[in-house]
Amino acid sequence: MLNISEITQTIKKLVETRINLIKQDIQEEILTLTSRIFLLVVIGGLMLLVLLFLSLALAFFLSSYLESPFSGFLIVGLLFLLMILILYKVRDSKSFKQNIQNGLKNFIGSATKKLNSDEE
């Protein structure tokens, strides 16, 4: 027959093993989430650079087309001001917030879903 101390030791080892597995799972999820957020920041930064260069190109094109050195930049600036005003007006819209939240959940959460499906 097994004595109480052997059963206790076996249970302790099982619990320690389970705790270590859970720690590893949490570390993997944190690393995955961190890498996805880093990727999101890098993509956002690159998109801002693209937007900057396209805005400058449009401003120079409009300036040469309208034969006025400042009018192209003024028009592009007004376009950005219009976009800011539109975003300011819809900032409290539930559908707008829901769309942004769903997009971020899909981008960040897709790696977690893939990680969980790989484990099963």
Protein backbone atom coordinates (compact mmCIF):
# COMPACT_ATOMS: atom_id res chain seq x y z
CA MET A 1 0.00 0.00 0.00
CA LEU A 2 1.04 3.56 -0.59
CA ASN A 3 1.73 5.60 2.42
CA ILE A 4 0.52 9.15 2.96
CA SER A 5 3.90 10.78 2.36
CA GLU A 6 4.25 9.23 -1.12
CA ILE A 7 0.76 10.38 -2.07
CA THR A 8 1.53 13.86 -0.77
CA GLN A 9 4.80 14.02 -2.72
CA THR A 10 3.07 12.85 -5.90
CA ILE A 11 0.34 15.45 -5.53
CA LYS A 12 2.95 18.17 -4.86
CA LYS A 13 4.86 17.20 -8.01
CA LEU A 14 1.67 17.23 -10.07
CA VAL A 15 0.71 20.66 -8.75
CA GLU A 16 4.22 22.03 -9.39
CA THR A 17 4.18 20.64 -12.92
CA ARG A 18 0.78 22.18 -13.59
CA ILE A 19 1.93 25.55 -12.21
CA ASN A 20 5.03 25.46 -14.44
CA LEU A 21 2.89 24.68 -17.49
CA ILE A 22 0.56 27.56 -16.71
CA LYS A 23 3.55 29.90 -16.25
CA GLN A 24 4.92 28.88 -19.64
CA ASP A 25 1.53 29.43 -21.28
CA ILE A 26 1.26 32.89 -19.75
CA GLN A 27 4.79 33.79 -20.84
CA GLU A 28 4.05 32.68 -24.41
CA GLU A 29 0.85 34.73 -24.53
CA ILE A 30 2.62 37.81 -23.14
CA LEU A 31 5.42 37.46 -25.70
CA THR A 32 2.91 37.02 -28.50
CA LEU A 33 0.92 40.04 -27.37
CA THR A 34 4.07 42.15 -27.02
CA SER A 35 5.30 41.23 -30.48
CA ARG A 36 1.89 42.01 -32.01
CA ILE A 37 1.77 45.41 -30.31
CA PHE A 38 5.33 46.15 -31.46
CA LEU A 39 4.36 45.17 -35.00
CA LEU A 40 1.29 47.40 -34.79
CA VAL A 41 3.44 50.36 -33.69
CA VAL A 42 5.96 49.76 -36.51
CA ILE A 43 3.20 49.46 -39.12
CA GLY A 44 1.57 52.62 -37.75
CA GLY A 45 4.85 54.52 -37.96
CA LEU A 46 5.46 53.39 -41.52
CA MET A 47 1.91 54.34 -42.48
CA LEU A 48 2.50 57.81 -41.05
CA LEU A 49 5.64 58.17 -43.17
CA VAL A 50 3.72 57.09 -46.27
CA LEU A 51 0.96 59.56 -45.44
CA LEU A 52 3.54 62.32 -44.97
CA PHE A 53 5.21 61.72 -48.33
CA LEU A 54 1.93 61.34 -50.18
CA SER A 55 0.67 64.56 -48.59
CA LEU A 56 3.81 66.40 -49.64
CA ALA A 57 3.55 65.01 -53.16
CA LEU A 58 -0.10 66.07 -53.41
CA ALA A 59 0.73 69.52 -52.01
CA PHE A 60 3.56 70.06 -54.50
CA PHE A 61 1.41 68.76 -57.36
CA LEU A 62 -1.48 71.08 -56.48
CA SER A 63 0.92 74.00 -56.04
CA SER A 64 2.38 73.49 -59.50
CA TYR A 65 -1.05 72.84 -61.04
CA LEU A 66 -2.55 75.97 -59.52
CA GLU A 67 0.68 77.94 -60.14
CA SER A 68 0.73 79.16 -56.57
CA PRO A 69 3.49 78.20 -54.13
CA PHE A 70 1.23 77.96 -51.09
CA SER A 71 -2.21 76.95 -52.37
CA GLY A 72 -1.42 73.24 -52.65
CA PHE A 73 -0.20 73.11 -49.07
CA LEU A 74 -3.25 75.09 -47.95
CA ILE A 75 -5.62 72.65 -49.67
CA VAL A 76 -3.85 69.61 -48.19
CA GLY A 77 -3.90 71.25 -44.76
CA LEU A 78 -7.62 71.92 -45.10
CA LEU A 79 -8.20 68.29 -46.10
CA PHE A 80 -6.45 67.14 -42.92
CA LEU A 81 -8.44 69.67 -40.88
CA LEU A 82 -11.64 68.30 -42.41
CA MET A 83 -10.62 64.73 -41.51
CA ILE A 84 -9.86 65.82 -37.94
CA LEU A 85 -13.25 67.51 -37.64
CA ILE A 86 -15.03 64.41 -38.95
CA LEU A 87 -13.16 62.17 -36.52
CA TYR A 88 -13.95 64.61 -33.70
CA LYS A 89 -17.66 64.44 -34.52
CA VAL A 90 -17.81 60.62 -34.66
CA ARG A 91 -15.53 59.99 -31.66
CA ASP A 92 -18.51 59.19 -29.39
CA SER A 93 -20.30 57.02 -31.94
CA LYS A 94 -20.79 53.48 -30.66
CA SER A 95 -20.39 51.94 -34.11
CA PHE A 96 -17.12 53.84 -34.67
CA LYS A 97 -15.73 52.68 -31.33
CA GLN A 98 -16.95 49.13 -31.98
CA ASN A 99 -15.27 49.01 -35.40
CA ILE A 100 -11.94 50.17 -33.96
CA GLN A 101 -12.16 47.76 -31.04
CA ASN A 102 -13.02 44.85 -33.33
CA GLY A 103 -10.14 45.70 -35.65
CA LEU A 104 -7.65 45.78 -32.78
CA LYS A 105 -9.07 42.59 -31.28
CA ASN A 106 -8.75 40.84 -34.64
CA PHE A 107 -5.18 42.05 -35.16
CA ILE A 108 -3.92 41.37 -31.65
CA GLY A 109 -6.16 38.42 -30.84
CA SER A 110 -5.49 36.46 -34.02
CA ALA A 111 -2.07 35.41 -32.75
CA THR A 112 -3.53 34.22 -29.46
CA LYS A 113 -6.20 32.19 -31.26
CA LYS A 114 -3.55 30.62 -33.48
CA LEU A 115 -1.41 29.82 -30.44
CA ASN A 116 -4.35 28.16 -28.68
CA SER A 117 -5.31 26.11 -31.75
CA ASP A 118 -1.70 24.91 -32.13
CA GLU A 119 -1.75 23.59 -28.56
CA GLU A 120 -4.89 21.53 -29.13
